Amino acid sequence: MGDVLRPLDEGKGETAADVGPNGLEAVLDRVEWGDGKFGEAVSLPGNGKVDIANDPLLSLSDTDFTL
């Protein structure tokens, strides 16, 4: 499984960068931005979502992972 590091701290916009080695950008849909514990943060209201394109690097079969 590839590493994905997405701090969700951009503070504005409709994408979230993957600052890890694979660069798998996420699309943010119906999110709100606000103050987080360590700077900016994304809030997912009732219908908000973070969409990450399907990529073989994100396969979770037979792999330990942390969210």
C-alpha atoms as a PDB file:
ATOM      1  CA  MET A   1       0.000   0.000   0.000  1.00  0.00           C
ATOM      2  CA  GLY A   2       1.258   3.477  -0.805  1.00  0.00           C
ATOM      3  CA  ASP A   3       1.638   6.187   1.767  1.00  0.00           C
ATOM      4  CA  VAL A   4      -0.902   9.009   1.719  1.00  0.00           C
ATOM      5  CA  LEU A   5      -0.405  12.077   3.869  1.00  0.00           C
ATOM      6  CA  ARG A   6      -3.299  14.483   3.599  1.00  0.00           C
ATOM      7  CA  PRO A   7      -3.318  17.083   6.395  1.00  0.00           C
ATOM      8  CA  LEU A   8      -6.485  18.819   5.041  1.00  0.00           C
ATOM      9  CA  ASP A   9      -5.114  22.187   6.128  1.00  0.00           C
ATOM     10  CA  GLU A  10      -5.294  24.229   2.909  1.00  0.00           C
ATOM     11  CA  GLY A  11      -7.881  26.579   4.405  1.00  0.00           C
ATOM     12  CA  LYS A  12      -9.749  27.096   1.119  1.00  0.00           C
ATOM     13  CA  GLY A  13     -10.443  25.474  -2.204  1.00  0.00           C
ATOM     14  CA  GLU A  14     -11.949  22.288  -3.573  1.00  0.00           C
ATOM     15  CA  THR A  15      -8.902  20.002  -3.493  1.00  0.00           C
ATOM     16  CA  ALA A  16      -6.699  18.525  -0.784  1.00  0.00           C
ATOM     17  CA  ALA A  17      -3.081  17.793  -1.561  1.00  0.00           C
ATOM     18  CA  ASP A  18      -1.346  14.538  -0.750  1.00  0.00           C
ATOM     19  CA  VAL A  19       1.977  15.754   0.621  1.00  0.00           C
ATOM     20  CA  GLY A  20       3.268  12.173   0.741  1.00  0.00           C
ATOM     21  CA  PRO A  21       5.386  10.600  -1.985  1.00  0.00           C
ATOM     22  CA  ASN A  22       2.487   9.570  -4.262  1.00  0.00           C
ATOM     23  CA  GLY A  23       0.671  12.884  -4.849  1.00  0.00           C
ATOM     24  CA  LEU A  24      -2.857  11.431  -4.804  1.00  0.00           C
ATOM     25  CA  GLU A  25      -4.952  14.604  -4.692  1.00  0.00           C
ATOM     26  CA  ALA A  26      -8.472  14.467  -3.247  1.00  0.00           C
ATOM     27  CA  VAL A  27     -11.522  16.404  -4.418  1.00  0.00           C
ATOM     28  CA  LEU A  28     -13.524  18.124  -1.680  1.00  0.00           C
ATOM     29  CA  ASP A  29     -17.276  18.354  -2.173  1.00  0.00           C
ATOM     30  CA  ARG A  30     -19.597  20.510  -0.037  1.00  0.00           C
ATOM     31  CA  VAL A  31     -17.017  21.071   2.716  1.00  0.00           C
ATOM     32  CA  GLU A  32     -16.511  24.022   5.013  1.00  0.00           C
ATOM     33  CA  TRP A  33     -13.187  25.442   6.184  1.00  0.00           C
ATOM     34  CA  GLY A  34     -12.491  26.711   9.674  1.00  0.00           C
ATOM     35  CA  ASP A  35     -10.027  26.822  12.517  1.00  0.00           C
ATOM     36  CA  GLY A  36      -8.507  23.513  13.495  1.00  0.00           C
ATOM     37  CA  LYS A  37      -6.332  22.414  16.369  1.00  0.00           C
ATOM     38  CA  PHE A  38      -3.148  23.154  14.382  1.00  0.00           C
ATOM     39  CA  GLY A  39      -4.186  25.825  11.851  1.00  0.00           C
ATOM     40  CA  GLU A  40      -6.867  25.466   9.184  1.00  0.00           C
ATOM     41  CA  ALA A  41      -9.153  22.425   9.042  1.00  0.00           C
ATOM     42  CA  VAL A  42     -11.880  20.971   6.866  1.00  0.00           C
ATOM     43  CA  SER A  43     -15.365  20.304   8.210  1.00  0.00           C
ATOM     44  CA  LEU A  44     -17.699  17.792   6.586  1.00  0.00           C
ATOM     45  CA  PRO A  45     -21.291  18.888   7.110  1.00  0.00           C
ATOM     46  CA  GLY A  46     -24.056  16.315   6.635  1.00  0.00           C
ATOM     47  CA  ASN A  47     -23.541  15.920   2.883  1.00  0.00           C
ATOM     48  CA  GLY A  48     -19.842  16.889   2.578  1.00  0.00           C
ATOM     49  CA  LYS A  49     -17.273  14.397   1.339  1.00  0.00           C
ATOM     50  CA  VAL A  50     -13.642  13.873   0.419  1.00  0.00           C
ATOM     51  CA  ASP A  51     -13.307  11.913  -2.831  1.00  0.00           C
ATOM     52  CA  ILE A  52     -10.057  10.120  -3.604  1.00  0.00           C
ATOM     53  CA  ALA A  53      -9.773   8.547  -7.051  1.00  0.00           C
ATOM     54  CA  ASN A  54      -9.381   4.779  -7.186  1.00  0.00           C
ATOM     55  CA  ASP A  55      -5.688   3.938  -7.401  1.00  0.00           C
ATOM     56  CA  PRO A  56      -3.884   0.602  -6.941  1.00  0.00           C
ATOM     57  CA  LEU A  57      -1.681   2.289  -4.329  1.00  0.00           C
ATOM     58  CA  LEU A  58      -4.756   2.529  -2.082  1.00  0.00           C
ATOM     59  CA  SER A  59      -5.543  -1.188  -2.056  1.00  0.00           C
ATOM     60  CA  LEU A  60      -6.347  -2.215   1.533  1.00  0.00           C
ATOM     61  CA  SER A  61      -6.536  -5.968   1.050  1.00  0.00           C
ATOM     62  CA  ASP A  62      -4.257  -7.884   3.419  1.00  0.00           C
ATOM     63  CA  THR A  63      -2.730  -4.646   4.733  1.00  0.00           C
ATOM     64  CA  ASP A  64      -2.784  -2.906   8.102  1.00  0.00           C
ATOM     65  CA  PHE A  65      -3.793   0.740   7.837  1.00  0.00           C
ATOM     66  CA  THR A  66      -4.630   3.734   9.999  1.00  0.00           C
ATOM     67  CA  LEU A  67      -7.256   6.411   9.383  1.00  0.00           C
END
